[in-house]
PDB file of N, CA and C in Angstrom:
ATOM      1  N   MET A   1       0.829  -1.153   0.011  1.00  0.00           N
ATOM      2  CA  MET A   1       0.002   0.005  -0.007  1.00  0.00           C
ATOM      3  C   MET A   1       0.906   1.251  -0.017  1.00  0.00           C
ATOM      4  N   GLY A   2       0.714   2.071  -0.982  1.00  0.00           N
ATOM      5  CA  GLY A   2       1.464   3.318  -1.087  1.00  0.00           C
ATOM      6  C   GLY A   2       0.661   4.463  -0.544  1.00  0.00           C
ATOM      7  N   ILE A   3       1.270   5.629  -0.684  1.00  0.00           N
ATOM      8  CA  ILE A   3       0.592   6.852  -0.245  1.00  0.00           C
ATOM      9  C   ILE A   3      -0.195   7.350  -1.445  1.00  0.00           C
ATOM     10  N   SER A   4      -1.481   7.630  -1.220  1.00  0.00           N
ATOM     11  CA  SER A   4      -2.306   8.137  -2.327  1.00  0.00           C
ATOM     12  C   SER A   4      -2.165   9.637  -2.453  1.00  0.00           C
ATOM     13  N   ILE A   5      -2.724  10.180  -3.509  1.00  0.00           N
ATOM     14  CA  ILE A   5      -2.645  11.636  -3.759  1.00  0.00           C
ATOM     15  C   ILE A   5      -3.386  12.399  -2.665  1.00  0.00           C
ATOM     16  N   TRP A   6      -4.475  11.854  -2.147  1.00  0.00           N
ATOM     17  CA  TRP A   6      -5.216  12.548  -1.119  1.00  0.00           C
ATOM     18  C   TRP A   6      -4.422  12.645   0.174  1.00  0.00           C
ATOM     19  N   GLN A   7      -3.694  11.592   0.474  1.00  0.00           N
ATOM     20  CA  GLN A   7      -2.846  11.631   1.682  1.00  0.00           C
ATOM     21  C   GLN A   7      -1.769  12.677   1.538  1.00  0.00           C
ATOM     22  N   LEU A   8      -1.189  12.746   0.358  1.00  0.00           N
ATOM     23  CA  LEU A   8      -0.148  13.766   0.136  1.00  0.00           C
ATOM     24  C   LEU A   8      -0.706  15.169   0.231  1.00  0.00           C
ATOM     25  N   LEU A   9      -1.920  15.396  -0.277  1.00  0.00           N
ATOM     26  CA  LEU A   9      -2.543  16.717  -0.193  1.00  0.00           C
ATOM     27  C   LEU A   9      -2.843  17.103   1.259  1.00  0.00           C
ATOM     28  N   ILE A  10      -3.267  16.148   2.059  1.00  0.00           N
ATOM     29  CA  ILE A  10      -3.514  16.410   3.490  1.00  0.00           C
ATOM     30  C   ILE A  10      -2.214  16.756   4.192  1.00  0.00           C
ATOM     31  N   ILE A  11      -1.156  16.042   3.913  1.00  0.00           N
ATOM     32  CA  ILE A  11       0.134  16.332   4.514  1.00  0.00           C
ATOM     33  C   ILE A  11       0.613  17.732   4.108  1.00  0.00           C
ATOM     34  N   LEU A  12       0.440  18.077   2.815  1.00  0.00           N
ATOM     35  CA  LEU A  12       0.860  19.374   2.343  1.00  0.00           C
ATOM     36  C   LEU A  12       0.057  20.480   3.030  1.00  0.00           C
ATOM     37  N   ALA A  13      -1.221  20.287   3.239  1.00  0.00           N
ATOM     38  CA  ALA A  13      -2.076  21.261   3.933  1.00  0.00           C
ATOM     39  C   ALA A  13      -1.622  21.454   5.353  1.00  0.00           C
ATOM     40  N   ILE A  14      -1.301  20.375   6.028  1.00  0.00           N
ATOM     41  CA  ILE A  14      -0.830  20.466   7.401  1.00  0.00           C
ATOM     42  C   ILE A  14       0.483  21.249   7.483  1.00  0.00           C
ATOM     43  N   VAL A  15       1.405  20.962   6.573  1.00  0.00           N
ATOM     44  CA  VAL A  15       2.696  21.646   6.507  1.00  0.00           C
ATOM     45  C   VAL A  15       2.510  23.123   6.259  1.00  0.00           C
ATOM     46  N   LEU A  16       1.590  23.469   5.337  1.00  0.00           N
ATOM     47  CA  LEU A  16       1.302  24.860   5.024  1.00  0.00           C
ATOM     48  C   LEU A  16       0.752  25.604   6.256  1.00  0.00           C
ATOM     49  N   VAL A  17      -0.119  24.931   7.006  1.00  0.00           N
ATOM     50  CA  VAL A  17      -0.721  25.546   8.200  1.00  0.00           C
ATOM     51  C   VAL A  17       0.377  25.776   9.261  1.00  0.00           C
ATOM     52  N   LEU A  18       1.247  24.766   9.448  1.00  0.00           N
ATOM     53  CA  LEU A  18       2.263  24.866  10.463  1.00  0.00           C
ATOM     54  C   LEU A  18       3.329  25.919  10.159  1.00  0.00           C
ATOM     55  N   PHE A  19       3.815  25.894   8.927  1.00  0.00           N
ATOM     56  CA  PHE A  19       4.955  26.771   8.613  1.00  0.00           C
ATOM     57  C   PHE A  19       4.581  28.032   7.861  1.00  0.00           C
ATOM     58  N   GLY A  20       3.494  28.038   7.146  1.00  0.00           N
ATOM     59  CA  GLY A  20       3.111  29.206   6.365  1.00  0.00           C
ATOM     60  C   GLY A  20       3.764  29.207   5.010  1.00  0.00           C
ATOM     61  N   ALA A  21       3.112  29.808   4.003  1.00  0.00           N
ATOM     62  CA  ALA A  21       3.605  29.783   2.665  1.00  0.00           C
ATOM     63  C   ALA A  21       4.906  30.555   2.479  1.00  0.00           C
ATOM     64  N   LYS A  22       5.037  31.720   3.187  1.00  0.00           N
ATOM     65  CA  LYS A  22       6.231  32.539   3.004  1.00  0.00           C
ATOM     66  C   LYS A  22       7.486  31.828   3.503  1.00  0.00           C
ATOM     67  N   ARG A  23       7.364  31.182   4.639  1.00  0.00           N
ATOM     68  CA  ARG A  23       8.493  30.478   5.213  1.00  0.00           C
ATOM     69  C   ARG A  23       8.897  29.286   4.327  1.00  0.00           C
ATOM     70  N   LEU A  24       7.899  28.574   3.760  1.00  0.00           N
ATOM     71  CA  LEU A  24       8.211  27.477   2.887  1.00  0.00           C
ATOM     72  C   LEU A  24       8.861  27.976   1.625  1.00  0.00           C
ATOM     73  N   ARG A  25       8.456  29.112   1.105  1.00  0.00           N
ATOM     74  CA  ARG A  25       9.078  29.712  -0.084  1.00  0.00           C
ATOM     75  C   ARG A  25      10.553  30.048   0.177  1.00  0.00           C
ATOM     76  N   ASN A  26      10.791  30.643   1.344  1.00  0.00           N
ATOM     77  CA  ASN A  26      12.172  30.960   1.712  1.00  0.00           C
ATOM     78  C   ASN A  26      13.010  29.715   1.882  1.00  0.00           C
ATOM     79  N   LEU A  27      12.416  28.672   2.469  1.00  0.00           N
ATOM     80  CA  LEU A  27      13.128  27.433   2.680  1.00  0.00           C
ATOM     81  C   LEU A  27      13.497  26.774   1.316  1.00  0.00           C
ATOM     82  N   GLY A  28      12.533  26.864   0.393  1.00  0.00           N
ATOM     83  CA  GLY A  28      12.830  26.306  -0.960  1.00  0.00           C
ATOM     84  C   GLY A  28      13.945  27.047  -1.651  1.00  0.00           C
ATOM     85  N   GLY A  29      13.954  28.386  -1.514  1.00  0.00           N
ATOM     86  CA  GLY A  29      15.036  29.175  -2.118  1.00  0.00           C
ATOM     87  C   GLY A  29      16.372  28.901  -1.481  1.00  0.00           C
ATOM     88  N   ASP A  30      16.392  28.771  -0.150  1.00  0.00           N
ATOM     89  CA  ASP A  30      17.614  28.408   0.524  1.00  0.00           C
ATOM     90  C   ASP A  30      18.153  27.033   0.124  1.00  0.00           C
ATOM     91  N   LEU A  31      17.243  26.089   0.005  1.00  0.00           N
ATOM     92  CA  LEU A  31      17.631  24.731  -0.387  1.00  0.00           C
ATOM     93  C   LEU A  31      18.180  24.746  -1.811  1.00  0.00           C
ATOM     94  N   GLY A  32      17.529  25.508  -2.703  1.00  0.00           N
ATOM     95  CA  GLY A  32      18.029  25.606  -4.096  1.00  0.00           C
ATOM     96  C   GLY A  32      19.393  26.234  -4.160  1.00  0.00           C
ATOM     97  N   SER A  33      19.641  27.259  -3.371  1.00  0.00           N
ATOM     98  CA  SER A  33      20.945  27.903  -3.330  1.00  0.00           C
ATOM     99  C   SER A  33      22.010  26.941  -2.815  1.00  0.00           C
ATOM    100  N   ALA A  34      21.654  26.139  -1.804  1.00  0.00           N
ATOM    101  CA  ALA A  34      22.596  25.201  -1.236  1.00  0.00           C
ATOM    102  C   ALA A  34      22.955  24.113  -2.258  1.00  0.00           C
ATOM    103  N   ILE A  35      21.984  23.640  -2.986  1.00  0.00           N
ATOM    104  CA  ILE A  35      22.274  22.638  -4.025  1.00  0.00           C
ATOM    105  C   ILE A  35      23.139  23.202  -5.101  1.00  0.00           C
ATOM    106  N   LYS A  36      22.841  24.446  -5.528  1.00  0.00           N
ATOM    107  CA  LYS A  36      23.621  25.085  -6.569  1.00  0.00           C
ATOM    108  C   LYS A  36      25.056  25.240  -6.121  1.00  0.00           C
ATOM    109  N   GLY A  37      25.273  25.685  -4.890  1.00  0.00           N
ATOM    110  CA  GLY A  37      26.641  25.832  -4.363  1.00  0.00           C
ATOM    111  C   GLY A  37      27.358  24.505  -4.280  1.00  0.00           C
ATOM    112  N   PHE A  38      26.613  23.458  -3.902  1.00  0.00           N
ATOM    113  CA  PHE A  38      27.235  22.130  -3.806  1.00  0.00           C
ATOM    114  C   PHE A  38      27.676  21.640  -5.193  1.00  0.00           C
ATOM    115  N   ARG A  39      26.827  21.830  -6.215  1.00  0.00           N
ATOM    116  CA  ARG A  39      27.199  21.410  -7.566  1.00  0.00           C
ATOM    117  C   ARG A  39      28.388  22.190  -8.071  1.00  0.00           C
ATOM    118  N   GLN A  40      28.432  23.502  -7.791  1.00  0.00           N
ATOM    119  CA  GLN A  40      29.582  24.285  -8.227  1.00  0.00           C
ATOM    120  C   GLN A  40      30.858  23.845  -7.557  1.00  0.00           C
ATOM    121  N   ALA A  41      30.790  23.527  -6.247  1.00  0.00           N
ATOM    122  CA  ALA A  41      31.976  23.014  -5.571  1.00  0.00           C
ATOM    123  C   ALA A  41      32.432  21.664  -6.138  1.00  0.00           C
ATOM    124  N   MET A  42      31.470  20.816  -6.489  1.00  0.00           N
ATOM    125  CA  MET A  42      31.849  19.546  -7.102  1.00  0.00           C
ATOM    126  C   MET A  42      32.526  19.711  -8.442  1.00  0.00           C
ATOM    127  N   LYS A  43      32.030  20.686  -9.246  1.00  0.00           N
ATOM    128  CA  LYS A  43      32.671  20.966 -10.530  1.00  0.00           C
ATOM    129  C   LYS A  43      34.089  21.482 -10.349  1.00  0.00           C
ATOM    130  N   GLU A  44      34.297  22.384  -9.355  1.00  0.00           N
ATOM    131  CA  GLU A  44      35.621  22.916  -9.075  1.00  0.00           C
ATOM    132  C   GLU A  44      36.556  21.800  -8.613  1.00  0.00           C
ATOM    133  N   ASP A  45      36.035  20.917  -7.766  1.00  0.00           N
ATOM    134  CA  ASP A  45      36.811  19.781  -7.284  1.00  0.00           C
ATOM    135  C   ASP A  45      37.203  18.858  -8.429  1.00  0.00           C
ATOM    136  N   ASP A  46      36.285  18.617  -9.366  1.00  0.00           N
ATOM    137  CA  ASP A  46      36.593  17.750 -10.507  1.00  0.00           C
ATOM    138  C   ASP A  46      37.665  18.385 -11.368  1.00  0.00           C
ATOM    139  N   SER A  47      37.619  19.730 -11.572  1.00  0.00           N
ATOM    140  CA  SER A  47      38.638  20.363 -12.399  1.00  0.00           C
ATOM    141  C   SER A  47      40.011  20.293 -11.738  1.00  0.00           C
ATOM    142  N   VAL A  48      40.071  20.399 -10.390  1.00  0.00           N
ATOM    143  CA  VAL A  48      41.347  20.287  -9.680  1.00  0.00           C
ATOM    144  C   VAL A  48      41.843  18.879  -9.790  1.00  0.00           C
ATOM    145  N   ASP A  49      40.968  17.892  -9.627  1.00  0.00           N
ATOM    146  CA  ASP A  49      41.367  16.468  -9.698  1.00  0.00           C
ATOM    147  C   ASP A  49      41.875  16.130 -11.092  1.00  0.00           C
ATOM    148  N   SER A  50      41.222  16.631 -12.145  1.00  0.00           N
ATOM    149  CA  SER A  50      41.702  16.291 -13.472  1.00  0.00           C
ATOM    150  C   SER A  50      43.044  16.941 -13.756  1.00  0.00           C
ATOM    151  N   GLY A  51      43.327  18.098 -13.194  1.00  0.00           N
ATOM    152  CA  GLY A  51      44.619  18.729 -13.330  1.00  0.00           C
ATOM    153  C   GLY A  51      45.695  17.909 -12.602  1.00  0.00           C
ATOM    154  N   ASP A  52      45.365  17.369 -11.433  1.00  0.00           N
ATOM    155  CA  ASP A  52      46.325  16.609 -10.690  1.00  0.00           C
ATOM    156  C   ASP A  52      46.607  15.271 -11.386  1.00  0.00           C
ATOM    157  N   SER A  53      45.618  14.646 -11.997  1.00  0.00           N
ATOM    158  CA  SER A  53      45.834  13.367 -12.672  1.00  0.00           C
ATOM    159  C   SER A  53      46.730  13.529 -13.871  1.00  0.00           C
ATOM    160  N   LYS A  54      46.634  14.668 -14.554  1.00  0.00           N
ATOM    161  CA  LYS A  54      47.550  14.934 -15.687  1.00  0.00           C
ATOM    162  C   LYS A  54      48.985  14.991 -15.222  1.00  0.00           C
ATOM    163  N   LEU A  55      49.209  15.597 -14.035  1.00  0.00           N
ATOM    164  CA  LEU A  55      50.572  15.697 -13.513  1.00  0.00           C
ATOM    165  C   LEU A  55      51.084  14.326 -13.101  1.00  0.00           C
ATOM    166  N   GLU A  56      50.205  13.515 -12.533  1.00  0.00           N
ATOM    167  CA  GLU A  56      50.610  12.169 -12.080  1.00  0.00           C
ATOM    168  C   GLU A  56      50.966  11.282 -13.274  1.00  0.00           C
ATOM    169  N   ASN A  57      50.288  11.425 -14.406  1.00  0.00           N
ATOM    170  CA  ASN A  57      50.573  10.619 -15.566  1.00  0.00           C
ATOM    171  C   ASN A  57      51.924  10.923 -16.191  1.00  0.00           C
ATOM    172  N   LYS A  58      52.505  12.070 -15.885  1.00  0.00           N
ATOM    173  CA  LYS A  58      53.829  12.439 -16.451  1.00  0.00           C
ATOM    174  C   LYS A  58      54.965  11.801 -15.663  1.00  0.00           C
ATOM    175  N   GLY A  59      54.704  11.009 -14.665  1.00  0.00           N
ATOM    176  CA  GLY A  59      55.706  10.377 -13.805  1.00  0.00           C
ATOM    177  C   GLY A  59      56.514   9.360 -14.564  1.00  0.00           C
ATOM    178  N   SER A  60      57.361   8.641 -13.842  1.00  0.00           N
ATOM    179  CA  SER A  60      58.250   7.676 -14.452  1.00  0.00           C
ATOM    180  C   SER A  60      57.512   6.421 -14.943  1.00  0.00           C
ATOM    181  N   GLY A  61      56.345   6.171 -14.404  1.00  0.00           N
ATOM    182  CA  GLY A  61      55.557   5.031 -14.853  1.00  0.00           C
ATOM    183  C   GLY A  61      55.953   3.757 -14.149  1.00  0.00           C
ATOM    184  N   ASN A  62      56.746   3.831 -13.095  1.00  0.00           N
ATOM    185  CA  ASN A  62      57.136   2.626 -12.362  1.00  0.00           C
ATOM    186  C   ASN A  62      55.979   2.135 -11.519  1.00  0.00           C
ATOM    187  N   VAL A  63      55.812   0.842 -11.463  1.00  0.00           N
ATOM    188  CA  VAL A  63      54.804   0.220 -10.638  1.00  0.00           C
ATOM    189  C   VAL A  63      55.449  -0.486  -9.475  1.00  0.00           C
ATOM    190  N   ILE A  64      54.956  -0.227  -8.312  1.00  0.00           N
ATOM    191  CA  ILE A  64      55.558  -0.872  -7.099  1.00  0.00           C
ATOM    192  C   ILE A  64      54.574  -1.981  -6.692  1.00  0.00           C
ATOM    193  N   GLU A  65      55.149  -3.164  -6.607  1.00  0.00           N
ATOM    194  CA  GLU A  65      54.310  -4.296  -6.222  1.00  0.00           C
ATOM    195  C   GLU A  65      54.682  -4.692  -4.809  1.00  0.00           C
ATOM    196  N   GLY A  66      53.734  -5.213  -4.064  1.00  0.00           N
ATOM    197  CA  GLY A  66      54.003  -5.575  -2.700  1.00  0.00           C
ATOM    198  C   GLY A  66      53.015  -6.642  -2.213  1.00  0.00           C
ATOM    199  N   GLU A  67      53.244  -7.072  -1.013  1.00  0.00           N
ATOM    200  CA  GLU A  67      52.384  -8.098  -0.435  1.00  0.00           C
ATOM    201  C   GLU A  67      52.045  -7.669   0.999  1.00  0.00           C
ATOM    202  N   VAL A  68      50.808  -7.873   1.384  1.00  0.00           N
ATOM    203  CA  VAL A  68      50.363  -7.573   2.756  1.00  0.00           C
ATOM    204  C   VAL A  68      50.733  -8.742   3.608  1.00  0.00           C
ATOM    205  N   THR A  69      51.572  -8.470   4.640  1.00  0.00           N
ATOM    206  CA  THR A  69      52.006  -9.557   5.502  1.00  0.00           C
ATOM    207  C   THR A  69      51.329  -9.479   6.878  1.00  0.00           C
ATOM    208  N   SER A  70      50.733  -8.321   7.227  1.00  0.00           N
ATOM    209  CA  SER A  70      50.063  -8.180   8.506  1.00  0.00           C
ATOM    210  C   SER A  70      48.892  -7.194   8.376  1.00  0.00           C
ATOM    211  N   LYS A  71      47.828  -7.490   9.022  1.00  0.00           N
ATOM    212  CA  LYS A  71      46.657  -6.612   8.942  1.00  0.00           C
ATOM    213  C   LYS A  71      46.392  -5.949  10.290  1.00  0.00           C
ATOM    214  N   LYS A  72      47.403  -5.640  11.094  1.00  0.00           N
ATOM    215  CA  LYS A  72      47.250  -4.994  12.356  1.00  0.00           C
ATOM    216  C   LYS A  72      46.915  -3.505  12.122  1.00  0.00           C
ATOM    217  N   HIS A  73      45.998  -3.002  12.952  1.00  0.00           N
ATOM    218  CA  HIS A  73      45.610  -1.617  12.867  1.00  0.00           C
ATOM    219  C   HIS A  73      46.038  -0.922  14.171  1.00  0.00           C
ATOM    220  N   ASP A  74      46.643   0.234  14.014  1.00  0.00           N
ATOM    221  CA  ASP A  74      47.007   1.023  15.206  1.00  0.00           C
ATOM    222  C   ASP A  74      45.794   1.746  15.712  1.00  0.00           C
ATOM    223  N   ASN A  75      45.592   1.656  16.995  1.00  0.00           N
ATOM    224  CA  ASN A  75      44.480   2.322  17.647  1.00  0.00           C
ATOM    225  C   ASN A  75      45.013   3.637  18.271  1.00  0.00           C
ATOM    226  N   VAL A  76      45.158   4.642  17.477  1.00  0.00           N
ATOM    227  CA  VAL A  76      45.727   5.900  17.926  1.00  0.00           C
ATOM    228  C   VAL A  76      44.624   6.847  18.306  1.00  0.00           C
TER     229      VAL A  76
END
């Protein structure tokens, strides 16, 4: 059993009564600004990462192989 459209409308009406339309409008704008800022930060982070990977690819190309002999963890 899912939530029907009538149940969603009742919940929306209760939320509107509790918070008011103006406060919900401000909350929506703040949420939109936060998402926009997050996406912009992710794009900036991707551009920094792609620049770093280009520098890493110019290395000597040596591969270091190893074997795990102990799985002890320090509890610092």
